[in-house]
Amino acid sequence: MNESLDPSAAAEEHSAARPAAAPPPDSTAAAGTVEPPFKEVSTAAQFLTVFPPIMLPMFLAVADQTIVATALPAIASSLGEIERASWVVVSYLIANTIAAPVYGRLGDTFGRRLMMVLALGLFMMGSVLCALAPNIELLTAFRVLQGFGGGGLMTLSQALIGESIPPRERGRYQGYLAGIAVSSNTFGPVAGGYLTQAFGWQSIFLINIPLGLLAVLFVFRIPSRQGDRRRTTFDAPGLVLFIFFVGPVILALEQVQRMQLSAMPMALAMLAVGLVSLGLLTWQERLTPAPLIPPKLFRQPSIWRADAMAALHGAALVSLITFLPIYLRAVRGASPGETGLILLPLTAGIGIGSMLTGQMVTRTGYTAVFPTCGLIGATTGLVFIAFWIPHLSTAEMAWAFCIIALFMGTVMGVVQVTVQAVSGPRLLGTGAAMVQFSRSVGAAFGTAAVAAILFSILTATDRTTATLFGTIIEQGPEALTTLDSARQAIVHAEIGDAFHAAFLTIATFTGCGAVLAWSLPLRRL
């Protein structure tokens, strides 16, 4: 299948990135535009030139969210208004999601190195202002500014991989980035707890300044490439409609996760606003000559399938990481320390699976076969967990989730290299941004969907337990400690039964992702 975005240049595809031998017969990696001329350099020199400038911004982007989540109780205690503490997280998420395609578009036009420096500058400025915020309202506003900077860090890091690394080598670097994401997710809660306890919650923001300045110095080591200055028209109406789509939808999904029936009318109203905005955005992007989100990208089967895979992967992984600690505390009575030990193999498995997949993609050139097999394995494992988890010991459960995570680690690296190959250099940033956007929206939707299913089943079984489960979502698993042992046993059993459906829902996400991976047209680089 020819997926060319610019047919006139298709004959030159990969001419500088691959040997002169004929491409494999099943390859559809015709991005439609000529890949940039990659210099022949040693693997070690290439790694030292490219990886540090990409690693540190991504580390900042991922670690920031987990660091802040750990410090939320201290922030609420210091500034008051604990009921508004979630604004600190949600405001950053909304700004981060909105900013991703903007940086992708501007990076394609003005160059990704320049935009990375701008993103780091905004991120550091927002961090300083957050540390100085005297109340929760200003902290929320400054988190929006920080999110506008942070939204470019991961998107531009991924795009810089595509800009600087030959196609066959990108899988290896995606594995490296997955390792960074896992280590920063592990580092975040530990660092957030230590910094908050030792130096106050303001220190979790101030730590970004020396790391950000170091990242700026590293970024200037990347060779500068000019963007496509022919695309200088910016789609302002599209951006406004995109904001009115993303903001209400994320707020609606966040309300659904609160498990409060009184919040449902507002959530449905915001969801309606978001869907109407999405319809108008689709219409606007078809009419404008320089769209924020080019429709021609999504006419490519490899791209829309890869983005859908990213959304389903985000839905499965984030909902699993979100609700597994609640299951462990509410049903197994695990302490926070035990929960952390059980989650460690899960997060480590994702990183190991991603790095192994990246190495295999680089060595073989094959892509779609890895997430196809991986997601089938993950689905099988989740179905097993759904029916057999009551019979597993804590150690057995940790190993089971580690194996599931290894299988799930086969997805995102392949998604990125697929989108980068098909998008071509002119739309590289936009393609990378849409992967991050798809994963963020998928994560929000998946978490809300699993929460809704859990709540619905518990409501049908026992309304009291359903109300208590909503309290657990809102306040944490410690809400059970006020109950006597007999009632706790009943709640454990009822929540355990509801989690059967939750794990099956997550398995549905991975199963649908396996179907998309199996039908992915681009199967080899």
Protein backbone atom coordinates (compact mmCIF):
# COMPACT_ATOMS: atom_id res chain seq x y z
CA MET A 1 0.00 0.00 0.00
CA ASN A 2 1.35 3.40 -0.91
CA GLU A 3 0.89 5.76 2.01
CA SER A 4 2.65 8.71 0.42
CA LEU A 5 1.86 12.14 1.76
CA ASP A 6 3.84 13.68 -1.11
CA PRO A 7 3.97 11.27 -4.07
CA SER A 8 6.49 13.29 -6.05
CA ALA A 9 9.22 12.45 -3.55
CA ALA A 10 8.29 8.82 -2.83
CA ALA A 11 11.03 7.43 -5.08
CA GLU A 12 13.71 8.99 -2.89
CA GLU A 13 12.38 7.61 0.39
CA HIS A 14 15.10 6.28 2.72
CA SER A 15 17.78 6.79 0.04
CA ALA A 16 20.14 8.35 2.57
CA ALA A 17 19.11 6.24 5.56
CA ARG A 18 19.45 2.73 4.11
CA PRO A 19 21.83 0.81 1.87
CA ALA A 20 21.21 0.72 -1.84
CA ALA A 21 19.65 -2.76 -1.68
CA ALA A 22 16.03 -3.12 -2.67
CA PRO A 23 13.55 -2.67 0.19
CA PRO A 24 11.77 -5.71 1.57
CA PRO A 25 8.62 -6.60 -0.35
CA ASP A 26 6.26 -6.01 2.56
CA SER A 27 7.63 -2.59 3.40
CA THR A 28 5.21 0.31 3.25
CA ALA A 29 7.44 2.81 4.97
CA ALA A 30 7.06 5.37 2.24
CA ALA A 31 6.60 8.50 4.21
CA GLY A 32 6.20 10.41 1.01
CA THR A 33 8.94 12.88 1.69
CA VAL A 34 12.68 12.43 1.55
CA GLU A 35 14.28 11.51 4.84
CA PRO A 36 16.96 14.00 5.94
CA PRO A 37 20.54 13.02 5.11
CA PHE A 38 21.78 11.11 8.15
CA LYS A 39 25.53 11.24 8.62
CA GLU A 40 27.50 8.03 8.92
CA VAL A 41 28.80 8.17 12.48
CA SER A 42 29.68 5.54 15.05
CA THR A 43 26.90 4.24 17.26
CA ALA A 44 28.62 5.55 20.42
CA ALA A 45 29.16 9.04 18.98
CA GLN A 46 25.57 9.16 17.74
CA PHE A 47 24.28 8.10 21.16
CA LEU A 48 26.31 10.72 23.04
CA THR A 49 25.26 13.47 20.62
CA VAL A 50 21.55 12.73 20.45
CA PHE A 51 20.47 10.92 23.59
CA PRO A 52 21.38 13.31 26.48
CA PRO A 53 19.56 16.33 24.95
CA ILE A 54 16.45 14.17 24.45
CA MET A 55 16.69 12.23 27.69
CA LEU A 56 16.64 15.12 30.16
CA PRO A 57 13.58 16.99 28.78
CA MET A 58 11.62 13.73 28.68
CA PHE A 59 12.73 12.92 32.22
CA LEU A 60 11.45 16.32 33.38
CA ALA A 61 8.13 15.88 31.56
CA VAL A 62 7.38 12.46 33.04
CA ALA A 63 8.78 12.93 36.55
CA ASP A 64 6.99 16.24 37.15
CA GLN A 65 3.53 14.70 37.32
CA THR A 66 4.46 11.96 39.80
CA ILE A 67 6.50 14.34 41.96
CA VAL A 68 3.58 16.77 42.24
CA ALA A 69 1.05 14.00 42.95
CA THR A 70 3.15 12.87 45.92
CA ALA A 71 3.31 16.41 47.30
CA LEU A 72 -0.43 17.17 46.94
CA PRO A 73 -1.30 16.53 50.61
CA ALA A 74 1.45 18.91 51.74
CA ILE A 75 0.34 21.53 49.20
CA ALA A 76 -3.28 21.27 50.35
CA SER A 77 -2.23 21.51 53.99
CA SER A 78 -0.07 24.58 53.33
CA LEU A 79 -2.42 26.51 51.05
CA GLY A 80 -5.75 25.25 52.37
CA GLU A 81 -8.80 24.46 50.23
CA ILE A 82 -8.07 20.73 50.05
CA GLU A 83 -11.15 20.17 47.89
CA ARG A 84 -9.40 22.11 45.12
CA ALA A 85 -6.08 20.27 45.34
CA SER A 86 -6.92 18.18 42.26
CA TRP A 87 -6.89 21.41 40.21
CA VAL A 88 -3.09 21.38 40.50
CA VAL A 89 -2.94 18.09 38.59
CA VAL A 90 -5.85 18.57 36.20
CA SER A 91 -4.79 22.07 35.07
CA TYR A 92 -1.33 20.80 34.12
CA LEU A 93 -2.81 17.82 32.27
CA ILE A 94 -5.15 20.01 30.22
CA ALA A 95 -2.41 22.52 29.31
CA ASN A 96 0.03 19.71 28.53
CA THR A 97 -2.44 17.98 26.21
CA ILE A 98 -3.38 21.20 24.41
CA ALA A 99 0.25 22.25 23.93
CA ALA A 100 1.44 18.98 22.35
CA PRO A 101 0.06 19.49 18.80
CA VAL A 102 0.96 23.20 18.92
CA TYR A 103 4.63 22.34 19.51
CA GLY A 104 4.43 19.65 16.88
CA ARG A 105 3.13 22.12 14.32
CA LEU A 106 5.54 24.94 15.27
CA GLY A 107 8.47 22.52 15.41
CA ASP A 108 7.75 21.45 11.85
CA THR A 109 7.78 25.12 10.81
CA PHE A 110 10.53 26.79 12.85
CA GLY A 111 12.76 23.87 13.81
CA ARG A 112 12.56 21.54 16.77
CA ARG A 113 15.71 22.68 18.58
CA LEU A 114 14.41 26.25 18.85
CA MET A 115 11.01 25.07 20.07
CA MET A 116 12.61 22.76 22.64
CA VAL A 117 14.51 25.70 24.13
CA LEU A 118 11.25 27.70 24.25
CA ALA A 119 9.40 24.80 25.90
CA LEU A 120 12.13 24.42 28.53
CA GLY A 121 12.03 28.17 29.19
CA LEU A 122 8.28 28.16 29.78
CA PHE A 123 8.54 25.04 31.92
CA MET A 124 11.20 26.61 34.15
CA MET A 125 9.35 29.93 34.37
CA GLY A 126 6.18 28.13 35.39
CA SER A 127 8.13 26.11 37.96
CA VAL A 128 9.52 29.22 39.65
CA LEU A 129 6.09 30.86 39.76
CA CYS A 130 4.54 27.68 41.17
CA ALA A 131 7.07 27.67 44.00
CA LEU A 132 6.15 31.30 44.80
CA ALA A 133 2.35 30.81 44.60
CA PRO A 134 0.62 32.04 47.78
CA ASN A 135 -2.72 30.28 47.18
CA ILE A 136 -4.25 27.37 45.29
CA GLU A 137 -5.80 29.58 42.59
CA LEU A 138 -2.49 31.14 41.54
CA LEU A 139 -0.75 27.77 41.81
CA THR A 140 -3.33 26.35 39.41
CA ALA A 141 -2.77 29.24 36.98
CA PHE A 142 1.01 28.82 37.11
CA ARG A 143 0.62 25.06 36.59
CA VAL A 144 -1.16 25.92 33.33
CA LEU A 145 1.90 27.94 32.26
CA GLN A 146 4.18 25.09 33.32
CA GLY A 147 1.98 22.67 31.37
CA PHE A 148 2.27 24.79 28.23
CA GLY A 149 6.03 24.31 28.51
CA GLY A 150 5.90 20.66 29.55
CA GLY A 151 3.59 19.81 26.65
CA GLY A 152 6.46 20.32 24.24
CA LEU A 153 9.10 18.31 26.07
CA MET A 154 7.92 14.80 25.26
CA THR A 155 6.53 15.65 21.81
CA LEU A 156 9.73 17.40 20.69
CA SER A 157 11.91 14.67 22.21
CA GLN A 158 10.13 12.06 20.10
CA ALA A 159 10.30 14.25 16.99
CA LEU A 160 14.03 14.89 17.51
CA ILE A 161 14.60 11.13 17.48
CA GLY A 162 12.93 10.97 14.06
CA GLU A 163 14.89 13.98 12.84
CA SER A 164 18.32 12.84 14.01
CA ILE A 165 18.25 9.03 13.83
CA PRO A 166 17.97 6.81 10.70
CA PRO A 167 14.67 4.88 10.48
CA ARG A 168 16.08 1.46 11.34
CA GLU A 169 17.86 2.81 14.44
CA ARG A 170 14.78 4.57 15.86
CA GLY A 171 13.40 1.43 17.47
CA ARG A 172 16.49 1.15 19.66
CA TYR A 173 16.19 4.77 20.79
CA GLN A 174 12.48 4.36 21.52
CA GLY A 175 13.51 1.57 23.87
CA TYR A 176 15.98 3.88 25.56
CA LEU A 177 13.28 6.53 25.99
CA ALA A 178 10.96 3.93 27.51
CA GLY A 179 13.66 3.17 30.05
CA ILE A 180 13.87 6.87 30.89
CA ALA A 181 10.08 7.08 31.28
CA VAL A 182 10.03 4.11 33.65
CA SER A 183 12.97 5.37 35.74
CA SER A 184 11.42 8.84 36.02
CA ASN A 185 8.07 7.33 37.05
CA THR A 186 9.92 5.41 39.76
CA PHE A 187 12.06 8.40 40.73
CA GLY A 188 9.14 10.84 40.94
CA PRO A 189 7.30 9.56 44.04
CA VAL A 190 10.54 8.91 45.93
CA ALA A 191 11.99 12.34 45.12
CA GLY A 192 8.67 14.08 45.71
CA GLY A 193 8.29 12.56 49.16
CA TYR A 194 11.88 13.28 50.19
CA LEU A 195 11.98 16.85 48.87
CA THR A 196 8.63 17.73 50.41
CA GLN A 197 9.60 16.34 53.80
CA ALA A 198 13.11 17.82 53.84
CA PHE A 199 12.68 21.20 52.12
CA GLY A 200 8.95 21.85 51.74
CA TRP A 201 6.64 21.39 48.76
CA GLN A 202 8.13 24.39 46.94
CA SER A 203 11.33 22.40 46.38
CA ILE A 204 9.56 19.98 44.00
CA PHE A 205 9.21 22.88 41.57
CA LEU A 206 12.58 24.51 42.18
CA ILE A 207 14.43 21.26 41.41
CA ASN A 208 13.32 21.75 37.80
CA ILE A 209 15.51 24.85 37.40
CA PRO A 210 19.02 23.30 37.49
CA LEU A 211 17.79 20.27 35.54
CA GLY A 212 16.14 22.54 32.97
CA LEU A 213 19.25 24.68 32.52
CA LEU A 214 21.34 21.55 32.03
CA ALA A 215 18.80 20.34 29.46
CA VAL A 216 19.11 23.64 27.54
CA LEU A 217 22.88 23.22 27.35
CA PHE A 218 22.45 19.67 26.07
CA VAL A 219 19.86 20.71 23.48
CA PHE A 220 22.35 23.05 21.81
CA ARG A 221 24.52 20.01 21.07
CA ILE A 222 21.93 18.73 18.60
CA PRO A 223 22.62 19.78 14.99
CA SER A 224 20.20 22.53 14.01
CA ARG A 225 17.81 21.80 11.15
CA GLN A 226 15.60 24.43 9.60
CA GLY A 227 11.87 23.89 9.62
CA ASP A 228 9.57 24.23 6.65
CA ARG A 229 9.10 28.02 6.61
CA ARG A 230 6.49 27.66 3.87
CA ARG A 231 4.05 26.58 6.59
CA THR A 232 4.10 29.83 8.59
CA THR A 233 0.31 30.33 8.65
CA PHE A 234 -1.03 29.27 12.04
CA ASP A 235 -4.49 27.78 12.48
CA ALA A 236 -5.78 29.98 15.34
CA PRO A 237 -9.47 28.97 14.96
CA GLY A 238 -8.39 25.34 15.00
CA LEU A 239 -6.44 25.91 18.22
CA VAL A 240 -9.45 27.57 19.90
CA LEU A 241 -11.72 24.68 18.92
CA PHE A 242 -9.08 22.19 20.05
CA ILE A 243 -8.98 23.90 23.48
CA PHE A 244 -12.77 23.74 23.74
CA PHE A 245 -12.57 20.05 22.86
CA VAL A 246 -9.72 18.98 25.17
CA GLY A 247 -10.60 21.06 28.26
CA PRO A 248 -14.25 20.01 28.70
CA VAL A 249 -13.58 16.37 27.81
CA ILE A 250 -10.76 15.97 30.35
CA LEU A 251 -12.81 17.76 33.02
CA ALA A 252 -15.79 15.54 32.26
CA LEU A 253 -13.71 12.38 32.55
CA GLU A 254 -12.18 13.65 35.78
CA GLN A 255 -15.69 14.19 37.19
CA VAL A 256 -16.70 10.65 36.19
CA GLN A 257 -13.76 9.25 38.17
CA ARG A 258 -15.03 10.95 41.33
CA MET A 259 -17.95 8.50 41.46
CA GLN A 260 -20.47 11.12 42.55
CA LEU A 261 -23.90 10.94 40.93
CA SER A 262 -24.45 14.63 41.64
CA ALA A 263 -21.53 15.44 39.31
CA MET A 264 -22.93 13.47 36.36
CA PRO A 265 -25.10 16.27 34.84
CA MET A 266 -22.15 18.65 34.77
CA ALA A 267 -19.89 15.94 33.35
CA LEU A 268 -22.40 15.17 30.58
CA ALA A 269 -22.76 18.87 29.76
CA MET A 270 -18.98 19.31 29.48
CA LEU A 271 -18.74 16.16 27.38
CA ALA A 272 -21.40 17.56 25.03
CA VAL A 273 -19.44 20.83 24.67
CA GLY A 274 -16.32 18.83 23.88
CA LEU A 275 -18.03 16.68 21.24
CA VAL A 276 -19.59 19.70 19.54
CA SER A 277 -16.17 21.38 19.50
CA LEU A 278 -14.68 18.23 18.01
CA GLY A 279 -17.22 18.31 15.19
CA LEU A 280 -16.47 21.97 14.47
CA LEU A 281 -12.71 21.28 14.68
CA THR A 282 -13.02 18.51 12.10
CA TRP A 283 -14.89 20.87 9.77
CA GLN A 284 -12.36 23.68 10.33
CA GLU A 285 -9.32 21.45 9.67
CA ARG A 286 -10.77 20.33 6.34
CA LEU A 287 -11.21 23.93 5.16
CA THR A 288 -8.04 25.68 6.31
CA PRO A 289 -4.94 25.50 4.07
CA ALA A 290 -2.59 25.10 7.08
CA PRO A 291 -4.43 22.96 9.66
CA LEU A 292 -3.22 22.47 13.20
CA ILE A 293 -4.03 18.75 12.85
CA PRO A 294 -3.72 17.88 9.13
CA PRO A 295 -6.57 15.56 8.06
CA LYS A 296 -4.28 13.96 5.47
CA LEU A 297 -2.32 12.38 8.32
CA PHE A 298 -5.38 10.51 9.49
CA ARG A 299 -6.21 9.32 6.01
CA GLN A 300 -3.12 7.14 6.30
CA PRO A 301 -4.17 3.71 7.66
CA SER A 302 -0.85 3.19 9.43
CA ILE A 303 -1.17 6.51 11.27
CA TRP A 304 -4.75 6.30 12.49
CA ARG A 305 -4.27 2.70 13.53
CA ALA A 306 -1.04 3.57 15.36
CA ASP A 307 -2.70 6.51 17.15
CA ALA A 308 -5.62 4.28 18.13
CA MET A 309 -3.12 1.73 19.47
CA ALA A 310 -1.50 4.48 21.54
CA ALA A 311 -4.91 5.47 22.96
CA LEU A 312 -5.80 1.88 23.87
CA HIS A 313 -2.36 1.25 25.35
CA GLY A 314 -2.69 4.39 27.48
CA ALA A 315 -6.19 3.33 28.56
CA ALA A 316 -4.97 -0.11 29.63
CA LEU A 317 -1.72 0.83 31.31
CA VAL A 318 -2.84 3.95 33.20
CA SER A 319 -6.10 2.37 34.43
CA LEU A 320 -4.12 -0.67 35.58
CA ILE A 321 -1.59 1.47 37.48
CA THR A 322 -4.43 3.61 38.89
CA PHE A 323 -6.74 0.88 40.17
CA LEU A 324 -4.34 -1.92 41.10
CA PRO A 325 -3.21 -0.12 44.31
CA ILE A 326 -6.87 0.35 45.27
CA TYR A 327 -7.50 -3.36 44.71
CA LEU A 328 -4.45 -4.32 46.75
CA ARG A 329 -5.42 -2.14 49.70
CA ALA A 330 -9.18 -2.68 49.61
CA VAL A 331 -9.16 -6.43 48.91
CA ARG A 332 -5.74 -7.69 50.01
CA GLY A 333 -5.14 -5.20 52.82
CA ALA A 334 -1.67 -4.42 51.46
CA SER A 335 0.31 -1.63 53.09
CA PRO A 336 1.61 1.25 50.96
CA GLY A 337 5.09 -0.29 51.10
CA GLU A 338 3.82 -3.67 49.91
CA THR A 339 1.82 -1.98 47.16
CA GLY A 340 4.94 -0.20 45.95
CA LEU A 341 6.89 -3.46 45.84
CA ILE A 342 4.12 -5.12 43.80
CA LEU A 343 3.96 -2.20 41.37
CA LEU A 344 7.74 -2.14 40.88
CA PRO A 345 7.80 -5.30 38.65
CA LEU A 346 4.95 -3.80 36.63
CA THR A 347 6.78 -0.55 35.88
CA ALA A 348 10.09 -2.36 35.36
CA GLY A 349 8.43 -4.82 32.96
CA ILE A 350 7.23 -1.98 30.73
CA GLY A 351 10.74 -0.57 30.43
CA ILE A 352 12.40 -3.93 29.83
CA GLY A 353 9.79 -4.92 27.24
CA SER A 354 10.21 -1.60 25.43
CA MET A 355 14.00 -1.82 25.32
CA LEU A 356 13.95 -5.43 24.08
CA THR A 357 11.40 -4.51 21.41
CA GLY A 358 13.50 -1.53 20.29
CA GLN A 359 16.54 -3.77 19.87
CA MET A 360 14.54 -6.32 17.84
CA VAL A 361 13.04 -3.63 15.59
CA THR A 362 16.51 -2.25 14.88
CA ARG A 363 18.01 -5.67 14.14
CA THR A 364 15.16 -7.09 12.02
CA GLY A 365 13.33 -4.07 10.62
CA TYR A 366 10.02 -5.71 11.52
CA THR A 367 7.53 -3.61 13.47
CA ALA A 368 3.88 -4.68 13.69
CA VAL A 369 4.62 -8.30 14.63
CA PHE A 370 5.90 -7.28 18.08
CA PRO A 371 2.83 -5.38 19.38
CA THR A 372 0.56 -7.96 17.75
CA CYS A 373 2.11 -10.80 19.74
CA GLY A 374 2.65 -8.61 22.78
CA LEU A 375 -0.93 -7.39 23.05
CA ILE A 376 -2.28 -10.90 22.53
CA GLY A 377 -0.05 -12.01 25.41
CA ALA A 378 -1.15 -9.05 27.58
CA THR A 379 -4.82 -9.77 26.87
CA THR A 380 -4.39 -13.43 27.79
CA GLY A 381 -2.62 -12.44 31.00
CA LEU A 382 -5.32 -9.94 31.99
CA VAL A 383 -8.10 -12.47 31.39
CA PHE A 384 -6.17 -14.92 33.57
CA ILE A 385 -5.81 -12.24 36.27
CA ALA A 386 -9.53 -11.38 36.10
CA PHE A 387 -10.57 -14.95 36.97
CA TRP A 388 -7.61 -16.27 38.94
CA ILE A 389 -6.30 -13.35 41.01
CA PRO A 390 -8.06 -14.45 44.24
CA HIS A 391 -5.98 -17.65 44.15
CA LEU A 392 -2.60 -15.97 43.62
CA SER A 393 -0.16 -15.16 46.38
CA THR A 394 1.30 -11.68 46.53
CA ALA A 395 4.58 -12.82 44.94
CA GLU A 396 2.75 -14.74 42.20
CA MET A 397 0.59 -11.70 41.45
CA ALA A 398 3.65 -9.45 41.19
CA TRP A 399 5.27 -11.84 38.69
CA ALA A 400 2.03 -12.12 36.70
CA PHE A 401 1.82 -8.35 36.31
CA CYS A 402 5.52 -8.22 35.41
CA ILE A 403 4.89 -10.63 32.52
CA ILE A 404 1.85 -8.63 31.39
CA ALA A 405 3.95 -5.46 31.49
CA LEU A 406 6.69 -7.08 29.40
CA PHE A 407 4.09 -7.80 26.73
CA MET A 408 2.66 -4.26 26.95
CA GLY A 409 6.14 -2.82 26.50
CA THR A 410 6.06 -3.89 22.85
CA VAL A 411 3.62 -1.15 21.82
CA MET A 412 4.70 2.49 22.12
CA GLY A 413 8.11 2.24 20.47
CA VAL A 414 6.56 0.61 17.40
CA VAL A 415 3.78 3.22 17.38
CA GLN A 416 6.34 6.05 17.34
CA VAL A 417 8.58 4.62 14.62
CA THR A 418 5.51 3.82 12.49
CA VAL A 419 4.11 7.34 12.72
CA GLN A 420 7.53 8.90 12.14
CA ALA A 421 8.13 6.77 9.04
CA VAL A 422 4.74 7.51 7.47
CA SER A 423 4.54 11.19 8.45
CA GLY A 424 7.84 12.08 6.82
CA PRO A 425 10.13 14.93 7.91
CA ARG A 426 7.71 17.75 7.00
CA LEU A 427 5.03 16.50 9.42
CA LEU A 428 7.27 14.69 11.89
CA GLY A 429 6.46 16.93 14.84
CA THR A 430 2.72 16.90 14.16
CA GLY A 431 2.73 13.12 13.93
CA ALA A 432 4.67 12.73 17.20
CA ALA A 433 2.34 15.20 18.92
CA MET A 434 -0.77 13.28 17.89
CA VAL A 435 0.69 10.09 19.36
CA GLN A 436 1.12 11.82 22.72
CA PHE A 437 -2.33 13.39 22.47
CA SER A 438 -3.93 10.03 21.64
CA ARG A 439 -2.23 8.35 24.55
CA SER A 440 -3.27 11.10 27.01
CA VAL A 441 -6.91 11.06 25.93
CA GLY A 442 -6.92 7.27 25.91
CA ALA A 443 -5.53 7.20 29.45
CA ALA A 444 -8.19 9.62 30.68
CA PHE A 445 -10.98 7.74 28.91
CA GLY A 446 -9.77 4.33 30.04
CA THR A 447 -9.47 5.34 33.68
CA ALA A 448 -12.95 6.89 33.62
CA ALA A 449 -14.41 3.84 31.87
CA VAL A 450 -12.94 1.39 34.39
CA ALA A 451 -14.11 3.59 37.28
CA ALA A 452 -17.63 3.77 35.82
CA ILE A 453 -17.79 -0.02 35.38
CA LEU A 454 -16.57 -0.65 38.92
CA PHE A 455 -19.07 1.84 40.33
CA SER A 456 -21.97 0.48 38.27
CA ILE A 457 -21.36 -3.12 39.36
CA LEU A 458 -20.96 -2.12 43.00
CA THR A 459 -24.13 -0.03 42.85
CA ALA A 460 -26.07 -2.98 41.47
CA THR A 461 -24.63 -5.22 44.21
CA ASP A 462 -24.56 -2.98 47.30
CA ARG A 463 -25.16 0.76 47.27
CA THR A 464 -23.35 1.22 50.57
CA THR A 465 -20.22 -0.41 49.19
CA ALA A 466 -20.57 1.70 46.05
CA THR A 467 -20.62 4.86 48.13
CA LEU A 468 -17.62 3.63 50.10
CA PHE A 469 -15.77 2.86 46.88
CA GLY A 470 -16.33 6.45 45.76
CA THR A 471 -14.77 7.56 49.03
CA ILE A 472 -11.77 5.31 48.36
CA ILE A 473 -11.33 6.93 44.93
CA GLU A 474 -11.58 10.39 46.49
CA GLN A 475 -9.63 9.94 49.75
CA GLY A 476 -7.55 6.81 49.22
CA PRO A 477 -7.80 3.23 50.48
CA GLU A 478 -7.42 4.36 54.10
CA ALA A 479 -11.18 5.05 54.08
CA LEU A 480 -11.70 1.37 54.97
CA THR A 481 -9.88 1.60 58.27
CA THR A 482 -12.97 3.02 60.01
CA LEU A 483 -14.98 -0.18 59.38
CA ASP A 484 -15.14 -3.22 61.65
CA SER A 485 -13.48 -6.42 60.46
CA ALA A 486 -16.72 -8.17 59.40
CA ARG A 487 -17.84 -5.25 57.25
CA GLN A 488 -14.35 -4.93 55.79
CA ALA A 489 -14.51 -8.59 54.74
CA ILE A 490 -17.82 -8.01 52.95
CA VAL A 491 -16.48 -4.90 51.24
CA HIS A 492 -13.34 -6.80 50.22
CA ALA A 493 -15.41 -9.55 48.64
CA GLU A 494 -17.77 -7.19 46.81
CA ILE A 495 -14.99 -4.97 45.50
CA GLY A 496 -13.04 -8.08 44.49
CA ASP A 497 -15.99 -9.29 42.43
CA ALA A 498 -16.29 -5.88 40.76
CA PHE A 499 -12.59 -5.95 39.88
CA HIS A 500 -13.17 -9.07 37.80
CA ALA A 501 -15.09 -6.85 35.40
CA ALA A 502 -12.45 -4.11 35.69
CA PHE A 503 -9.62 -6.43 34.63
CA LEU A 504 -11.76 -7.77 31.78
CA THR A 505 -12.38 -4.18 30.65
CA ILE A 506 -8.64 -3.54 30.60
CA ALA A 507 -8.22 -6.81 28.68
CA THR A 508 -10.74 -5.46 26.14
CA PHE A 509 -8.51 -2.42 25.59
CA THR A 510 -5.46 -4.58 24.91
CA GLY A 511 -7.47 -7.00 22.76
CA CYS A 512 -8.68 -4.17 20.52
CA GLY A 513 -5.10 -2.92 20.34
CA ALA A 514 -3.97 -6.37 19.18
CA VAL A 515 -6.50 -6.26 16.32
CA LEU A 516 -5.18 -2.86 15.24
CA ALA A 517 -1.56 -4.04 15.44
CA TRP A 518 -2.38 -7.13 13.36
CA SER A 519 -3.97 -4.95 10.65
CA LEU A 520 -1.21 -2.29 10.64
CA PRO A 521 -0.15 -1.77 6.99
CA LEU A 522 3.42 -0.72 7.79
CA ARG A 523 5.02 -3.98 8.89
CA ARG A 524 8.69 -3.38 8.21
CA LEU A 525 11.07 -0.42 8.01
